[in-house]
Amino acid sequence: MLAALVALGAGPALAGHAAAAPAKSTVEAYPSGCSGALYQVHTVRKHGSSRLIAIDPATGAVARSAGLDHAVNAMGYDAAQGLFFAVATRRGGHPIGDGGHVVSITPEGETHDLGPVRAAAGRKGTVAVGGAYSGTVVDGRLLLLLDGDLVAVDVRAQSPTFLHVVRRVDLPRLPSFGDWDARPGDGGLYAVSTQGREPSRLVRIDPDSGAVTQTPVPDLSRDGFYGALAFDDAGTHAYATDNNQESALYRIALDGTSVKLAGGSGLLGSDAAWCRGPARPHRRRPPRGPRHLPRRPPCHPPSRRRPHRARCRRRARPPPRRPPHRRPHPRRSPP
């Protein structure tokens, strides 16, 4: 999320370009082991590349950091593929044409340029997504806030609509914010807004109707700009980073209470995503019934007609139990 909200005035889709060849998928499922971790991309210098930061959500400490080849924004995580997806505007300090590209990022920081976003089915040309600053992945679709609309881009590698716009929703005028994320099990898109004289607020946006509900978060700075936001696996807390206030990281509950976890240096841009593991199917054990022992086959002794029959050893009957031998007591003769 760039600190300035100039992205709201991004140019329209480039519909005048000639129809390009269908995008080829270069995405491969990556064996990710980062489930349950907070990841952010930080951009410090103008025209510089971003860094992928793994953060311990309990303490806010940086677990590891890796430099990227691109300057990225609007990032989300797809658990089915084990990859992050984001919008890239520069590579190696040089601008990317076609209005920005979609890139995939492994948890170790390896980026792959997937190319420009194609228009929806039945339309020609590409769609400029370089102005998107809010992004998250839901069901294999990268949800971007672009020109005031919710734009869904298919990032499923094996889909016939890969890298095509598959949905566009005209949203009402929203309060300014820097990033959004889908809360697990909720269906809503959440962001932190500091617009106006009111306290900072946790904003919920209905992706279908655009309806907005707001919850005050009084402990957050009103002068901040929260460019990175991501929910944990349970959806109970959101983690937001303030680009202005020394990249302070806050943990925010749904009731508006917040705790500052860590701080650092100021950021030009940031974005966040929670690395979630794929849902594991619940395995049910078969019910335990009565134990049935296999019946012994009948014993047939071999004969001339059927010499192949195995010889059966009949168990010898155990001898009958006999009472213990007792010696008769000698009779005593009368005196």
Foldseek 3Di string as FASTA:
>chain_A
DFPDLCLLVDDWFPQPDFFDDDFAFPAAQDPDDQAFWKWKWFAADVLDFIKIWIADVVQRDTPDIGTAQFHWAQWAADQVRQWIKTWGQHGNSHGDPNQTFIWIAHNRHYIDTRGFAAEAPPGGGGTRPNSWHAWYDDPQWIWTCGNQKTWTAHCDNPDPRHRYTPDIGRADDDADAAYWYQQPPPQWIWTWHLPDPAAIWIWTARNPHRDIDIAHQRVDDSPFGWNEWEAGPNSQWIWTFTQPQQRWIWIAGPNNYIDTRDGHHHTSHMYMYRRHHDDDDDDDDDDDDDDDDDDDDDADAADPVRNVGDHDDDDDDDDDDDDDDDDDDDDDDDD
